[in-house]
C-alpha atoms as a PDB file:
ATOM      1  CA  MET A   1      12.397 -15.865 -24.388  1.00  0.00           C
ATOM      2  CA  SER A   2      11.743 -18.073 -21.348  1.00  0.00           C
ATOM      3  CA  VAL A   3      10.235 -16.545 -18.212  1.00  0.00           C
ATOM      4  CA  ASP A   4      13.320 -17.423 -16.168  1.00  0.00           C
ATOM      5  CA  SER A   5      15.795 -15.967 -18.655  1.00  0.00           C
ATOM      6  CA  GLN A   6      15.885 -12.660 -16.747  1.00  0.00           C
ATOM      7  CA  ARG A   7      15.712 -11.747 -13.074  1.00  0.00           C
ATOM      8  CA  PHE A   8      14.248  -8.668 -11.458  1.00  0.00           C
ATOM      9  CA  ILE A   9      14.396  -7.305  -7.928  1.00  0.00           C
ATOM     10  CA  GLY A  10      11.489  -5.556  -6.249  1.00  0.00           C
ATOM     11  CA  VAL A  11      11.985  -3.427  -3.132  1.00  0.00           C
ATOM     12  CA  LYS A  12       9.334  -1.866  -0.900  1.00  0.00           C
ATOM     13  CA  LEU A  13      10.557   0.802   1.532  1.00  0.00           C
ATOM     14  CA  THR A  14       8.766   1.556   4.788  1.00  0.00           C
ATOM     15  CA  ALA A  15       9.779   3.877   7.609  1.00  0.00           C
ATOM     16  CA  GLY A  16      11.707   1.086   9.286  1.00  0.00           C
ATOM     17  CA  GLU A  17      12.363  -1.763   6.866  1.00  0.00           C
ATOM     18  CA  VAL A  18      13.370  -2.853   3.375  1.00  0.00           C
ATOM     19  CA  PHE A  19      11.252  -5.659   1.894  1.00  0.00           C
ATOM     20  CA  ALA A  20      12.908  -7.242  -1.144  1.00  0.00           C
ATOM     21  CA  VAL A  21      11.977 -10.049  -3.539  1.00  0.00           C
ATOM     22  CA  SER A  22      13.434 -11.531  -6.693  1.00  0.00           C
ATOM     23  CA  THR A  23      11.172 -12.511  -9.593  1.00  0.00           C
ATOM     24  CA  ASP A  24      11.216 -13.812 -13.130  1.00  0.00           C
ATOM     25  CA  LEU A  25       9.688 -12.117 -16.195  1.00  0.00           C
ATOM     26  CA  ARG A  26       6.159 -12.921 -15.043  1.00  0.00           C
ATOM     27  CA  ALA A  27       6.813 -11.613 -11.523  1.00  0.00           C
ATOM     28  CA  ASN A  28       6.775 -15.139 -10.106  1.00  0.00           C
ATOM     29  CA  LEU A  29       8.433 -14.976  -6.705  1.00  0.00           C
ATOM     30  CA  GLY A  30      11.871 -16.271  -5.909  1.00  0.00           C
ATOM     31  CA  ALA A  31      13.798 -15.315  -2.791  1.00  0.00           C
ATOM     32  CA  GLU A  32      12.514 -12.829  -0.204  1.00  0.00           C
ATOM     33  CA  CYS A  33      14.115 -10.922   2.653  1.00  0.00           C
ATOM     34  CA  VAL A  34      13.401  -8.187   5.182  1.00  0.00           C
ATOM     35  CA  ILE A  35      16.141  -5.857   6.434  1.00  0.00           C
ATOM     36  CA  GLU A  36      15.789  -3.215   9.118  1.00  0.00           C
ATOM     37  CA  LEU A  37      16.726   0.280   7.954  1.00  0.00           C
ATOM     38  CA  SER A  38      19.906   1.544   9.565  1.00  0.00           C
ATOM     39  CA  GLY A  39      18.732   5.152   9.205  1.00  0.00           C
ATOM     40  CA  HIS A  40      16.867   7.585   6.959  1.00  0.00           C
ATOM     41  CA  GLU A  41      19.822   9.328   5.343  1.00  0.00           C
ATOM     42  CA  PRO A  42      19.841   8.568   1.593  1.00  0.00           C
ATOM     43  CA  SER A  43      23.280   6.948   1.854  1.00  0.00           C
ATOM     44  CA  GLN A  44      22.042   4.644   4.634  1.00  0.00           C
ATOM     45  CA  VAL A  45      18.903   3.666   2.729  1.00  0.00           C
ATOM     46  CA  VAL A  46      20.893   2.985  -0.450  1.00  0.00           C
ATOM     47  CA  ALA A  47      23.334   0.776   1.479  1.00  0.00           C
ATOM     48  CA  ASP A  48      20.441  -1.179   3.009  1.00  0.00           C
ATOM     49  CA  ILE A  49      18.779  -1.668  -0.391  1.00  0.00           C
ATOM     50  CA  VAL A  50      22.069  -2.915  -1.835  1.00  0.00           C
ATOM     51  CA  ARG A  51      22.382  -5.364   1.056  1.00  0.00           C
ATOM     52  CA  ALA A  52      18.816  -6.615   0.515  1.00  0.00           C
ATOM     53  CA  THR A  53      19.405  -6.955  -3.234  1.00  0.00           C
ATOM     54  CA  VAL A  54      22.469  -9.120  -2.667  1.00  0.00           C
ATOM     55  CA  GLU A  55      20.592 -11.231  -0.121  1.00  0.00           C
ATOM     56  CA  VAL A  56      17.739 -12.119  -2.483  1.00  0.00           C
ATOM     57  CA  GLY A  57      19.950 -13.129  -5.340  1.00  0.00           C
ATOM     58  CA  GLY A  58      23.188 -11.232  -5.719  1.00  0.00           C
ATOM     59  CA  MET A  59      23.783  -8.968  -8.699  1.00  0.00           C
ATOM     60  CA  GLY A  60      24.726 -11.460 -11.363  1.00  0.00           C
ATOM     61  CA  GLY A  61      22.132 -11.539 -14.122  1.00  0.00           C
ATOM     62  CA  VAL A  62      19.761  -8.966 -12.615  1.00  0.00           C
ATOM     63  CA  THR A  63      18.038  -7.088 -15.443  1.00  0.00           C
ATOM     64  CA  ALA A  64      16.521  -4.233 -13.443  1.00  0.00           C
ATOM     65  CA  ILE A  65      15.419  -3.194  -9.965  1.00  0.00           C
ATOM     66  CA  GLY A  66      12.157  -1.564  -8.945  1.00  0.00           C
ATOM     67  CA  VAL A  67      11.860   0.403  -5.708  1.00  0.00           C
ATOM     68  CA  THR A  68       8.621   1.776  -4.282  1.00  0.00           C
ATOM     69  CA  VAL A  69       8.084   4.417  -1.616  1.00  0.00           C
ATOM     70  CA  GLY A  70       5.084   5.915   0.085  1.00  0.00           C
ATOM     71  CA  GLY A  71       5.365   9.346  -1.479  1.00  0.00           C
ATOM     72  CA  GLN A  72       5.532  11.404  -4.642  1.00  0.00           C
ATOM     73  CA  VAL A  73       7.906  10.206  -7.358  1.00  0.00           C
ATOM     74  CA  GLY A  74       9.053  12.024 -10.489  1.00  0.00           C
ATOM     75  CA  ARG A  75      10.665  10.784 -13.701  1.00  0.00           C
ATOM     76  CA  SER A  76      10.772   7.212 -12.371  1.00  0.00           C
ATOM     77  CA  ARG A  77      13.790   8.026 -10.211  1.00  0.00           C
ATOM     78  CA  TRP A  78      13.351  11.122  -8.035  1.00  0.00           C
ATOM     79  CA  VAL A  79      11.627  10.929  -4.665  1.00  0.00           C
ATOM     80  CA  GLU A  80      10.008  14.351  -4.693  1.00  0.00           C
ATOM     81  CA  ARG A  81       8.420  13.894  -1.285  1.00  0.00           C
ATOM     82  CA  ALA A  82       8.440  10.988   1.186  1.00  0.00           C
ATOM     83  CA  PRO A  83       7.288  12.183   4.618  1.00  0.00           C
ATOM     84  CA  PHE A  84       7.958   8.857   6.338  1.00  0.00           C
ATOM     85  CA  LEU A  85      11.651   9.184   5.407  1.00  0.00           C
ATOM     86  CA  GLY A  86      11.815  12.966   5.760  1.00  0.00           C
ATOM     87  CA  TRP A  87      12.911  13.251   2.126  1.00  0.00           C
ATOM     88  CA  LYS A  88      12.367  15.911  -0.493  1.00  0.00           C
ATOM     89  CA  GLY A  89      14.100  15.903  -3.864  1.00  0.00           C
ATOM     90  CA  VAL A  90      16.261  12.771  -3.464  1.00  0.00           C
ATOM     91  CA  ASP A  91      17.587  11.136  -6.638  1.00  0.00           C
ATOM     92  CA  LEU A  92      17.119   7.622  -5.273  1.00  0.00           C
ATOM     93  CA  GLY A  93      17.165   6.013  -8.715  1.00  0.00           C
ATOM     94  CA  GLY A  94      20.446   7.693  -9.631  1.00  0.00           C
ATOM     95  CA  LEU A  95      22.088   6.802  -6.324  1.00  0.00           C
ATOM     96  CA  LEU A  96      21.053   3.158  -6.640  1.00  0.00           C
ATOM     97  CA  HIS A  97      22.142   2.967 -10.284  1.00  0.00           C
ATOM     98  CA  ASP A  98      25.581   4.244  -9.290  1.00  0.00           C
ATOM     99  CA  ALA A  99      25.779   1.707  -6.465  1.00  0.00           C
ATOM    100  CA  LEU A 100      24.417  -1.316  -8.357  1.00  0.00           C
ATOM    101  CA  GLY A 101      25.229  -0.661 -11.999  1.00  0.00           C
ATOM    102  CA  VAL A 102      21.832  -1.831 -13.312  1.00  0.00           C
ATOM    103  CA  PRO A 103      18.690   0.087 -14.381  1.00  0.00           C
ATOM    104  CA  VAL A 104      16.578   1.257 -11.426  1.00  0.00           C
ATOM    105  CA  VAL A 105      12.941   2.353 -11.526  1.00  0.00           C
ATOM    106  CA  VAL A 106      11.420   4.233  -8.583  1.00  0.00           C
ATOM    107  CA  GLU A 107       7.640   4.448  -8.217  1.00  0.00           C
ATOM    108  CA  ASN A 108       4.948   5.313  -5.697  1.00  0.00           C
ATOM    109  CA  ASP A 109       4.080   2.183  -3.735  1.00  0.00           C
ATOM    110  CA  VAL A 110       0.301   2.295  -4.269  1.00  0.00           C
ATOM    111  CA  VAL A 111       0.762   2.848  -8.027  1.00  0.00           C
ATOM    112  CA  ALA A 112       3.030  -0.203  -8.185  1.00  0.00           C
ATOM    113  CA  LEU A 113       0.696  -2.310  -6.042  1.00  0.00           C
ATOM    114  CA  THR A 114      -2.268  -1.341  -8.216  1.00  0.00           C
ATOM    115  CA  ALA A 115      -0.323  -2.341 -11.316  1.00  0.00           C
ATOM    116  CA  ALA A 116       0.625  -5.644  -9.706  1.00  0.00           C
ATOM    117  CA  GLU A 117      -2.988  -6.426  -8.775  1.00  0.00           C
ATOM    118  CA  HIS A 118      -3.984  -5.561 -12.334  1.00  0.00           C
ATOM    119  CA  TRP A 119      -1.354  -7.612 -14.153  1.00  0.00           C
ATOM    120  CA  PHE A 120      -1.093 -10.773 -12.060  1.00  0.00           C
ATOM    121  CA  GLY A 121      -2.902 -10.235  -8.760  1.00  0.00           C
ATOM    122  CA  ILE A 122      -6.457 -10.842  -7.601  1.00  0.00           C
ATOM    123  CA  ALA A 123      -7.799  -8.178  -9.985  1.00  0.00           C
ATOM    124  CA  LYS A 124      -6.229  -9.764 -13.074  1.00  0.00           C
ATOM    125  CA  GLY A 125      -8.673  -9.597 -15.982  1.00  0.00           C
ATOM    126  CA  ILE A 126     -10.798  -6.819 -14.423  1.00  0.00           C
ATOM    127  CA  GLU A 127     -10.824  -3.633 -16.526  1.00  0.00           C
ATOM    128  CA  ASP A 128     -12.184  -1.220 -13.917  1.00  0.00           C
ATOM    129  CA  PHE A 129     -11.407  -1.402 -10.191  1.00  0.00           C
ATOM    130  CA  ALA A 130      -9.999   0.562  -7.275  1.00  0.00           C
ATOM    131  CA  VAL A 131      -7.416  -0.395  -4.666  1.00  0.00           C
ATOM    132  CA  LEU A 132      -7.687   0.751  -1.052  1.00  0.00           C
ATOM    133  CA  THR A 133      -4.744   0.073   1.243  1.00  0.00           C
ATOM    134  CA  ILE A 134      -4.867   0.170   5.034  1.00  0.00           C
ATOM    135  CA  GLY A 135      -1.728   0.256   7.139  1.00  0.00           C
ATOM    136  CA  ALA A 136       0.569   3.039   8.285  1.00  0.00           C
ATOM    137  CA  GLY A 137      -1.691   5.243   6.171  1.00  0.00           C
ATOM    138  CA  VAL A 138      -4.543   4.866   3.717  1.00  0.00           C
ATOM    139  CA  GLY A 139      -3.792   4.580   0.005  1.00  0.00           C
ATOM    140  CA  TYR A 140      -5.933   4.753  -3.113  1.00  0.00           C
ATOM    141  CA  GLY A 141      -5.279   3.445  -6.623  1.00  0.00           C
ATOM    142  CA  LEU A 142      -7.536   3.294  -9.659  1.00  0.00           C
ATOM    143  CA  VAL A 143      -7.669   1.349 -12.916  1.00  0.00           C
ATOM    144  CA  ILE A 144     -10.137   2.489 -15.593  1.00  0.00           C
ATOM    145  CA  HIS A 145     -10.546   0.875 -19.019  1.00  0.00           C
ATOM    146  CA  ASP A 146      -7.598  -1.427 -18.270  1.00  0.00           C
ATOM    147  CA  ARG A 147      -5.237   1.493 -17.550  1.00  0.00           C
ATOM    148  CA  PRO A 148      -3.960   2.745 -14.172  1.00  0.00           C
ATOM    149  CA  VAL A 149      -4.875   6.365 -13.484  1.00  0.00           C
ATOM    150  CA  VAL A 150      -1.722   8.359 -12.652  1.00  0.00           C
ATOM    151  CA  ASN A 151      -1.195  12.124 -12.627  1.00  0.00           C
ATOM    152  CA  SER A 152       1.029  14.802 -11.076  1.00  0.00           C
ATOM    153  CA  ASP A 153      -0.756  14.515  -7.707  1.00  0.00           C
ATOM    154  CA  THR A 154      -0.177  10.775  -7.419  1.00  0.00           C
ATOM    155  CA  GLY A 155       1.730  10.010  -4.250  1.00  0.00           C
ATOM    156  CA  LEU A 156       0.379  12.925  -2.215  1.00  0.00           C
ATOM    157  CA  GLY A 157      -1.926  10.596  -0.309  1.00  0.00           C
ATOM    158  CA  LEU A 158      -5.072  12.505  -1.228  1.00  0.00           C
ATOM    159  CA  GLY A 159      -7.285   9.460  -0.653  1.00  0.00           C
ATOM    160  CA  GLY A 160      -6.045   9.351   2.914  1.00  0.00           C
ATOM    161  CA  HIS A 161      -7.953  12.502   3.833  1.00  0.00           C
ATOM    162  CA  PHE A 162     -11.401  11.726   2.490  1.00  0.00           C
ATOM    163  CA  PRO A 163     -13.930  12.791   5.185  1.00  0.00           C
ATOM    164  CA  LEU A 164     -15.762   9.863   6.775  1.00  0.00           C
ATOM    165  CA  ASP A 165     -16.879  10.775  10.300  1.00  0.00           C
ATOM    166  CA  PRO A 166     -17.516  14.391  11.431  1.00  0.00           C
ATOM    167  CA  THR A 167     -17.179  13.289  15.069  1.00  0.00           C
ATOM    168  CA  GLY A 168     -14.025  11.231  14.599  1.00  0.00           C
ATOM    169  CA  PRO A 169     -10.477  11.940  15.817  1.00  0.00           C
ATOM    170  CA  LEU A 170      -8.067  14.326  14.122  1.00  0.00           C
ATOM    171  CA  CYS A 171      -5.316  13.172  11.786  1.00  0.00           C
ATOM    172  CA  ALA A 172      -1.840  14.730  11.882  1.00  0.00           C
ATOM    173  CA  GLU A 173      -2.933  17.302   9.286  1.00  0.00           C
ATOM    174  CA  GLY A 174      -5.870  18.411  11.435  1.00  0.00           C
ATOM    175  CA  HIS A 175      -8.638  16.745   9.397  1.00  0.00           C
ATOM    176  CA  ARG A 176     -11.387  15.438  11.648  1.00  0.00           C
ATOM    177  CA  GLY A 177     -12.615  11.931  10.923  1.00  0.00           C
ATOM    178  CA  CYS A 178     -10.793  11.529   7.594  1.00  0.00           C
ATOM    179  CA  SER A 179      -9.846   8.096   6.282  1.00  0.00           C
ATOM    180  CA  THR A 180      -6.376   8.293   7.855  1.00  0.00           C
ATOM    181  CA  ALA A 181      -7.799   9.277  11.243  1.00  0.00           C
ATOM    182  CA  MET A 182     -10.390   6.495  11.148  1.00  0.00           C
ATOM    183  CA  LEU A 183      -8.566   3.625   9.423  1.00  0.00           C
ATOM    184  CA  SER A 184      -4.784   3.826   9.705  1.00  0.00           C
ATOM    185  CA  ILE A 185      -3.169   1.487  12.213  1.00  0.00           C
ATOM    186  CA  PRO A 186      -1.404   4.287  14.161  1.00  0.00           C
ATOM    187  CA  SER A 187      -4.657   6.244  14.511  1.00  0.00           C
ATOM    188  CA  MET A 188      -6.676   3.216  15.614  1.00  0.00           C
ATOM    189  CA  THR A 189      -4.138   2.097  18.197  1.00  0.00           C
ATOM    190  CA  ALA A 190      -3.726   5.681  19.466  1.00  0.00           C
ATOM    191  CA  SER A 191      -7.490   5.979  19.984  1.00  0.00           C
ATOM    192  CA  ALA A 192      -7.538   2.658  21.833  1.00  0.00           C
ATOM    193  CA  ARG A 193      -4.576   3.679  23.995  1.00  0.00           C
ATOM    194  CA  VAL A 194      -6.525   6.651  25.346  1.00  0.00           C
ATOM    195  CA  GLY A 195      -9.456   4.473  26.437  1.00  0.00           C
ATOM    196  CA  LEU A 196      -7.425   1.498  27.644  1.00  0.00           C
ATOM    197  CA  ALA A 197      -4.759   3.621  29.376  1.00  0.00           C
ATOM    198  CA  ARG A 198      -2.016   1.423  27.908  1.00  0.00           C
ATOM    199  CA  ASP A 199      -0.309   0.672  24.619  1.00  0.00           C
ATOM    200  CA  VAL A 200      -2.011  -1.874  22.392  1.00  0.00           C
ATOM    201  CA  GLY A 201      -0.951  -3.469  19.112  1.00  0.00           C
ATOM    202  CA  TYR A 202      -3.196  -3.726  16.094  1.00  0.00           C
ATOM    203  CA  THR A 203      -3.813  -7.476  16.255  1.00  0.00           C
ATOM    204  CA  GLU A 204      -4.459  -7.273  19.998  1.00  0.00           C
ATOM    205  CA  LEU A 205      -6.917  -4.450  19.364  1.00  0.00           C
ATOM    206  CA  LEU A 206      -8.854  -6.616  16.913  1.00  0.00           C
ATOM    207  CA  ASP A 207      -8.753  -9.530  19.368  1.00  0.00           C
ATOM    208  CA  LEU A 208     -10.065  -7.354  22.196  1.00  0.00           C
ATOM    209  CA  ALA A 209     -12.902  -6.123  19.995  1.00  0.00           C
ATOM    210  CA  ASP A 210     -13.827  -9.725  19.139  1.00  0.00           C
ATOM    211  CA  ALA A 211     -13.829 -10.530  22.864  1.00  0.00           C
ATOM    212  CA  GLY A 212     -16.246  -7.695  23.591  1.00  0.00           C
ATOM    213  CA  ASP A 213     -13.977  -5.142  25.223  1.00  0.00           C
ATOM    214  CA  PRO A 214     -16.047  -1.926  25.046  1.00  0.00           C
ATOM    215  CA  VAL A 215     -13.159   0.419  24.198  1.00  0.00           C
ATOM    216  CA  ALA A 216     -11.726  -1.824  21.497  1.00  0.00           C
ATOM    217  CA  ALA A 217     -15.183  -2.597  20.113  1.00  0.00           C
ATOM    218  CA  GLN A 218     -15.937   1.099  19.759  1.00  0.00           C
ATOM    219  CA  VAL A 219     -12.654   1.859  17.951  1.00  0.00           C
ATOM    220  CA  VAL A 220     -12.823  -1.167  15.657  1.00  0.00           C
ATOM    221  CA  GLY A 221     -16.548  -0.754  14.990  1.00  0.00           C
ATOM    222  CA  SER A 222     -16.068   2.896  14.007  1.00  0.00           C
ATOM    223  CA  ALA A 223     -13.212   1.881  11.710  1.00  0.00           C
ATOM    224  CA  ALA A 224     -15.324  -0.845  10.090  1.00  0.00           C
ATOM    225  CA  ARG A 225     -18.187   1.544   9.414  1.00  0.00           C
ATOM    226  CA  SER A 226     -15.725   4.081   8.035  1.00  0.00           C
ATOM    227  CA  LEU A 227     -14.183   1.505   5.717  1.00  0.00           C
ATOM    228  CA  GLY A 228     -17.639   0.621   4.435  1.00  0.00           C
ATOM    229  CA  ARG A 229     -18.335   4.291   3.770  1.00  0.00           C
ATOM    230  CA  LEU A 230     -14.982   4.697   1.975  1.00  0.00           C
ATOM    231  CA  ILE A 231     -15.704   1.649  -0.190  1.00  0.00           C
ATOM    232  CA  ALA A 232     -19.110   3.061  -1.119  1.00  0.00           C
ATOM    233  CA  ALA A 233     -17.715   6.522  -1.849  1.00  0.00           C
ATOM    234  CA  THR A 234     -14.990   5.056  -4.038  1.00  0.00           C
ATOM    235  CA  ALA A 235     -17.470   2.926  -5.986  1.00  0.00           C
ATOM    236  CA  ASN A 236     -19.936   5.800  -6.309  1.00  0.00           C
ATOM    237  CA  LEU A 237     -17.476   8.447  -7.482  1.00  0.00           C
ATOM    238  CA  ALA A 238     -15.178   6.307  -9.630  1.00  0.00           C
ATOM    239  CA  MET A 239     -18.094   4.191 -10.890  1.00  0.00           C
ATOM    240  CA  VAL A 240     -16.262   0.919 -10.338  1.00  0.00           C
ATOM    241  CA  GLN A 241     -17.859  -2.292  -9.101  1.00  0.00           C
ATOM    242  CA  THR A 242     -14.758  -3.987  -7.681  1.00  0.00           C
ATOM    243  CA  ILE A 243     -12.642  -2.823  -4.745  1.00  0.00           C
ATOM    244  CA  VAL A 244      -9.356  -4.510  -3.810  1.00  0.00           C
ATOM    245  CA  LEU A 245      -8.358  -4.190  -0.151  1.00  0.00           C
ATOM    246  CA  SER A 246      -4.672  -4.599   0.671  1.00  0.00           C
ATOM    247  CA  GLY A 247      -2.067  -3.581   3.218  1.00  0.00           C
ATOM    248  CA  GLU A 248      -1.067  -4.772   6.660  1.00  0.00           C
ATOM    249  CA  GLY A 249      -4.371  -3.565   8.109  1.00  0.00           C
ATOM    250  CA  VAL A 250      -6.714  -5.798   6.094  1.00  0.00           C
ATOM    251  CA  GLY A 251      -7.368  -7.853   9.212  1.00  0.00           C
ATOM    252  CA  LEU A 252     -10.120  -5.306   9.829  1.00  0.00           C
ATOM    253  CA  ALA A 253     -11.958  -6.651   6.776  1.00  0.00           C
ATOM    254  CA  ASP A 254     -11.554 -10.238   7.930  1.00  0.00           C
ATOM    255  CA  ARG A 255     -12.914  -9.498  11.402  1.00  0.00           C
ATOM    256  CA  GLN A 256     -15.621  -6.958  10.561  1.00  0.00           C
ATOM    257  CA  LEU A 257     -16.866  -7.819   7.061  1.00  0.00           C
ATOM    258  CA  PRO A 258     -20.621  -7.844   7.883  1.00  0.00           C
ATOM    259  CA  ARG A 259     -20.410  -4.369   9.437  1.00  0.00           C
ATOM    260  CA  ILE A 260     -18.315  -3.094   6.515  1.00  0.00           C
ATOM    261  CA  LEU A 261     -20.824  -4.431   3.979  1.00  0.00           C
ATOM    262  CA  GLU A 262     -23.742  -2.942   5.916  1.00  0.00           C
ATOM    263  CA  ALA A 263     -22.132   0.511   5.942  1.00  0.00           C
ATOM    264  CA  SER A 264     -21.218   0.220   2.272  1.00  0.00           C
ATOM    265  CA  ARG A 265     -24.772  -0.697   1.251  1.00  0.00           C
ATOM    266  CA  ALA A 266     -26.202   2.187   3.288  1.00  0.00           C
ATOM    267  CA  ASP A 267     -24.261   4.699   1.169  1.00  0.00           C
ATOM    268  CA  ARG A 268     -25.111   3.075  -2.177  1.00  0.00           C
ATOM    269  CA  ASP A 269     -28.226   3.425  -4.318  1.00  0.00           C
ATOM    270  CA  PRO A 270     -30.400   0.342  -3.648  1.00  0.00           C
ATOM    271  CA  ASP A 271     -30.503  -0.388  -7.391  1.00  0.00           C
ATOM    272  CA  ALA A 272     -26.737  -0.151  -7.830  1.00  0.00           C
ATOM    273  CA  VAL A 273     -24.743  -3.287  -8.558  1.00  0.00           C
ATOM    274  CA  PRO A 274     -23.351  -4.701  -5.282  1.00  0.00           C
ATOM    275  CA  VAL A 275     -19.693  -3.862  -4.808  1.00  0.00           C
ATOM    276  CA  ARG A 276     -17.377  -6.845  -5.077  1.00  0.00           C
ATOM    277  CA  ILE A 277     -14.686  -6.718  -2.391  1.00  0.00           C
ATOM    278  CA  LEU A 278     -11.453  -8.651  -2.969  1.00  0.00           C
ATOM    279  CA  VAL A 279      -8.977  -8.920  -0.082  1.00  0.00           C
ATOM    280  CA  ASP A 280      -5.261  -9.367  -0.763  1.00  0.00           C
ATOM    281  CA  ARG A 281      -3.729 -10.883   2.365  1.00  0.00           C
ATOM    282  CA  SER A 282      -0.190 -11.321   1.042  1.00  0.00           C
ATOM    283  CA  GLY A 283       1.135  -8.351   3.020  1.00  0.00           C
ATOM    284  CA  PHE A 284       4.367  -6.634   2.085  1.00  0.00           C
ATOM    285  CA  THR A 285       5.216  -9.379  -0.394  1.00  0.00           C
ATOM    286  CA  ALA A 286       2.561  -7.929  -2.714  1.00  0.00           C
ATOM    287  CA  TRP A 287       4.101  -4.461  -2.428  1.00  0.00           C
ATOM    288  CA  ALA A 288       7.615  -5.706  -3.212  1.00  0.00           C
ATOM    289  CA  ARG A 289       6.297  -7.824  -6.070  1.00  0.00           C
ATOM    290  CA  GLY A 290       4.603  -4.695  -7.412  1.00  0.00           C
ATOM    291  CA  ALA A 291       7.975  -2.944  -7.357  1.00  0.00           C
ATOM    292  CA  ALA A 292       9.435  -5.777  -9.441  1.00  0.00           C
ATOM    293  CA  ALA A 293       6.492  -5.507 -11.829  1.00  0.00           C
ATOM    294  CA  VAL A 294       7.161  -1.841 -12.620  1.00  0.00           C
ATOM    295  CA  ALA A 295      10.801  -2.725 -13.306  1.00  0.00           C
ATOM    296  CA  ILE A 296       9.653  -5.449 -15.692  1.00  0.00           C
ATOM    297  CA  GLN A 297       7.281  -3.062 -17.448  1.00  0.00           C
ATOM    298  CA  ALA A 298       9.951  -0.358 -17.763  1.00  0.00           C
ATOM    299  CA  SER A 299      12.409  -2.858 -19.226  1.00  0.00           C
ATOM    300  CA  PHE A 300      10.017  -3.666 -22.061  1.00  0.00           C
ATOM    301  CA  ALA A 301       8.462  -0.228 -22.576  1.00  0.00           C
END
């Protein structure tokens, strides 16, 4: 069977957009598109996914579709909980199958991204590693002995509330200085807005910190130290030596790597193997490709 004998669609859902890609059997990328969500009602989201699917390659010859969400997924089809969409108990896989007429696999987005990094991404060939994602929230994935670690709590975002700074800001759940409060893009820009007395975007915040603005430098510096501490904690507790950083917030690692490494080393035993940090800068394409990868895996399970 040739790699281009079948086509798969991968879809990553965010609070505001649908990112879709088409791939072959090896998850090599074909067409890509981004569509703004028309609303959060299941019928609206399904219609937008159908539109994105048609845009990246139509429906002729599509073997299966993978869809990933930031939330808890059950039985590879039910979205048990997706706070960013306001969903609980939505049969997204069933609705999409009825609309598209092809097999649909629904998965947590970090699980799918971790699988994608493992199979064909920058962690290919590594048996033990963790994935940390920075963006709208903070995600955590783990591969041990060449197998992703998945259980009933996967998708609850537990890694997003690991305590990092007892003097830090509060997250929406009331946790002071947790990884979400210190590292997520909304939390960082909200902290900067208080000090700057104006709205600021994430890239501008990083630029201001580079230029020496005291407010931005404090926010970004605290985030960098927190990321270093999270990397060290992940390596210490999971006993992995490789950490993959991904998500739309990885610019923090590019701008603040020395400070991140310093904080990471401070929380590690001096005789421990240095943590290898791999940065995936492919953005939402990696997430959508991960969605296609879980569809490919399900098709051959």
